[in-house]
Amino acid sequence: MGLTGHRRTSSHKRRRASHFALVAPALSEDKAGIKHLMHRVAPGATEYRGIPIHRKGLERKLQKMINKTKPKAAVHDHTHDHEHPKAAGTKN
C-alpha cells in the first residue's frame, strides 16, 4: 500500500517502467522444422533430443482414430435359426 505523504513522481514512474519492456521469445527449430521455445518440446513431437516422449493415453487415442477410419460392419449381415428377444421396432 502506498504512503499518502509520498508522491510517485513522473521520473520514478519512468524508472520503474523501464523494466516492463517486452522481449521476443527465443525460438528453436527441431529436425522436423517445427519452431518451439528453447529447452521445451515442440507441440506434437514424439521425441526430444533423441529420447522418446511418453504421452499418457497416446496409444488409446491412436487406436480410437484407427477404429474411426475402419468401415462399419452391417448390424445383422449373418443368418441364424433363432429370433432375437428384442427385435427392432417391437415393444416389451
C-alpha atoms as a PDB file:
ATOM      1  CA  MET A   1       0.000   0.000   0.000  1.00  0.00           C
ATOM      2  CA  GLY A   2       1.336   3.428  -0.926  1.00  0.00           C
ATOM      3  CA  LEU A   3       2.032   6.040   1.661  1.00  0.00           C
ATOM      4  CA  THR A   4      -0.203   9.098   1.463  1.00  0.00           C
ATOM      5  CA  GLY A   5       2.601  11.573   2.087  1.00  0.00           C
ATOM      6  CA  HIS A   6       4.871  10.209  -0.669  1.00  0.00           C
ATOM      7  CA  ARG A   7       4.028  11.203  -4.192  1.00  0.00           C
ATOM      8  CA  ARG A   8       5.277   8.965  -7.021  1.00  0.00           C
ATOM      9  CA  THR A   9       6.966  11.385  -9.378  1.00  0.00           C
ATOM     10  CA  SER A  10       6.998  11.004 -13.147  1.00  0.00           C
ATOM     11  CA  SER A  11      10.744  10.226 -13.109  1.00  0.00           C
ATOM     12  CA  HIS A  12      10.229   7.442 -10.581  1.00  0.00           C
ATOM     13  CA  LYS A  13       7.384   6.060 -12.688  1.00  0.00           C
ATOM     14  CA  ARG A  14       9.621   6.049 -15.813  1.00  0.00           C
ATOM     15  CA  ARG A  15      12.474   4.345 -13.941  1.00  0.00           C
ATOM     16  CA  ARG A  16      10.101   1.653 -12.710  1.00  0.00           C
ATOM     17  CA  ALA A  17       8.519   1.200 -16.152  1.00  0.00           C
ATOM     18  CA  SER A  18      11.907   0.678 -17.813  1.00  0.00           C
ATOM     19  CA  HIS A  19      11.705  -2.995 -16.735  1.00  0.00           C
ATOM     20  CA  PHE A  20       8.358  -3.562 -18.450  1.00  0.00           C
ATOM     21  CA  ALA A  21       9.757  -3.874 -21.986  1.00  0.00           C
ATOM     22  CA  LEU A  22       8.688  -6.988 -23.892  1.00  0.00           C
ATOM     23  CA  VAL A  23      11.363  -9.244 -25.330  1.00  0.00           C
ATOM     24  CA  ALA A  24      10.790 -11.538 -28.306  1.00  0.00           C
ATOM     25  CA  PRO A  25      10.934 -15.213 -27.257  1.00  0.00           C
ATOM     26  CA  ALA A  26      13.997 -17.205 -28.314  1.00  0.00           C
ATOM     27  CA  LEU A  27      12.691 -19.853 -30.695  1.00  0.00           C
ATOM     28  CA  SER A  28      14.404 -23.060 -31.679  1.00  0.00           C
ATOM     29  CA  GLU A  29      13.699 -25.316 -34.657  1.00  0.00           C
ATOM     30  CA  ASP A  30      13.715 -29.104 -34.443  1.00  0.00           C
ATOM     31  CA  LYS A  31      14.631 -31.625 -37.148  1.00  0.00           C
ATOM     32  CA  ALA A  32      11.064 -31.676 -38.458  1.00  0.00           C
ATOM     33  CA  GLY A  33      11.140 -27.894 -38.933  1.00  0.00           C
ATOM     34  CA  ILE A  34       8.713 -27.082 -36.105  1.00  0.00           C
ATOM     35  CA  LYS A  35       9.527 -23.921 -34.158  1.00  0.00           C
ATOM     36  CA  HIS A  36       9.196 -24.020 -30.368  1.00  0.00           C
ATOM     37  CA  LEU A  37      10.560 -22.381 -27.236  1.00  0.00           C
ATOM     38  CA  MET A  38      14.102 -23.417 -26.387  1.00  0.00           C
ATOM     39  CA  HIS A  39      14.506 -26.350 -23.962  1.00  0.00           C
ATOM     40  CA  ARG A  40      10.870 -27.304 -24.452  1.00  0.00           C
ATOM     41  CA  VAL A  41       9.267 -29.997 -26.548  1.00  0.00           C
ATOM     42  CA  ALA A  42       7.609 -28.927 -29.780  1.00  0.00           C
ATOM     43  CA  PRO A  43       3.845 -29.479 -29.887  1.00  0.00           C
ATOM     44  CA  GLY A  44       3.055 -32.842 -31.460  1.00  0.00           C
ATOM     45  CA  ALA A  45       6.637 -34.120 -31.142  1.00  0.00           C
ATOM     46  CA  THR A  46       7.260 -37.782 -30.386  1.00  0.00           C
ATOM     47  CA  GLU A  47      10.821 -37.349 -29.126  1.00  0.00           C
ATOM     48  CA  TYR A  48      13.012 -34.662 -27.575  1.00  0.00           C
ATOM     49  CA  ARG A  49      16.769 -34.667 -28.195  1.00  0.00           C
ATOM     50  CA  GLY A  50      16.565 -38.279 -29.396  1.00  0.00           C
ATOM     51  CA  ILE A  51      14.642 -39.509 -26.343  1.00  0.00           C
ATOM     52  CA  PRO A  52      11.096 -40.835 -26.949  1.00  0.00           C
ATOM     53  CA  ILE A  53       8.382 -38.923 -25.112  1.00  0.00           C
ATOM     54  CA  HIS A  54       5.696 -40.775 -23.143  1.00  0.00           C
ATOM     55  CA  ARG A  55       2.281 -39.184 -23.530  1.00  0.00           C
ATOM     56  CA  LYS A  56      -0.465 -40.519 -21.313  1.00  0.00           C
ATOM     57  CA  GLY A  57      -3.259 -42.133 -23.329  1.00  0.00           C
ATOM     58  CA  LEU A  58      -1.468 -41.808 -26.686  1.00  0.00           C
ATOM     59  CA  GLU A  59      -1.900 -45.490 -27.601  1.00  0.00           C
ATOM     60  CA  ARG A  60      -5.617 -45.348 -26.754  1.00  0.00           C
ATOM     61  CA  LYS A  61      -6.064 -42.186 -28.797  1.00  0.00           C
ATOM     62  CA  LEU A  62      -4.275 -43.705 -31.807  1.00  0.00           C
ATOM     63  CA  GLN A  63      -6.379 -46.878 -31.579  1.00  0.00           C
ATOM     64  CA  LYS A  64      -9.547 -44.780 -31.436  1.00  0.00           C
ATOM     65  CA  MET A  65      -8.503 -42.888 -34.578  1.00  0.00           C
ATOM     66  CA  ILE A  66      -7.775 -46.161 -36.393  1.00  0.00           C
ATOM     67  CA  ASN A  67     -11.174 -47.575 -35.389  1.00  0.00           C
ATOM     68  CA  LYS A  68     -12.929 -44.472 -36.752  1.00  0.00           C
ATOM     69  CA  THR A  69     -11.357 -44.968 -40.178  1.00  0.00           C
ATOM     70  CA  LYS A  70     -12.412 -48.629 -40.454  1.00  0.00           C
ATOM     71  CA  PRO A  71     -15.661 -49.265 -42.349  1.00  0.00           C
ATOM     72  CA  LYS A  72     -18.508 -50.279 -40.064  1.00  0.00           C
ATOM     73  CA  ALA A  73     -19.995 -53.759 -40.469  1.00  0.00           C
ATOM     74  CA  ALA A  74     -23.713 -54.249 -41.001  1.00  0.00           C
ATOM     75  CA  VAL A  75     -25.784 -54.880 -37.878  1.00  0.00           C
ATOM     76  CA  HIS A  76     -27.222 -58.258 -38.988  1.00  0.00           C
ATOM     77  CA  ASP A  77     -25.360 -59.454 -42.033  1.00  0.00           C
ATOM     78  CA  HIS A  78     -25.486 -63.116 -40.937  1.00  0.00           C
ATOM     79  CA  THR A  79     -28.236 -65.707 -40.810  1.00  0.00           C
ATOM     80  CA  HIS A  80     -29.148 -67.942 -37.883  1.00  0.00           C
ATOM     81  CA  ASP A  81     -32.010 -70.154 -36.792  1.00  0.00           C
ATOM     82  CA  HIS A  82     -33.299 -68.262 -33.749  1.00  0.00           C
ATOM     83  CA  GLU A  83     -35.087 -64.986 -33.027  1.00  0.00           C
ATOM     84  CA  HIS A  84     -33.638 -62.134 -31.023  1.00  0.00           C
ATOM     85  CA  PRO A  85     -35.562 -61.385 -27.802  1.00  0.00           C
ATOM     86  CA  LYS A  86     -35.856 -57.660 -28.630  1.00  0.00           C
ATOM     87  CA  ALA A  87     -36.250 -57.246 -32.345  1.00  0.00           C
ATOM     88  CA  ALA A  88     -36.134 -53.766 -33.807  1.00  0.00           C
ATOM     89  CA  GLY A  89     -39.472 -51.982 -33.725  1.00  0.00           C
ATOM     90  CA  THR A  90     -41.193 -54.178 -31.101  1.00  0.00           C
ATOM     91  CA  LYS A  91     -42.213 -53.336 -27.569  1.00  0.00           C
ATOM     92  CA  ASN A  92     -41.786 -55.463 -24.417  1.00  0.00           C
END
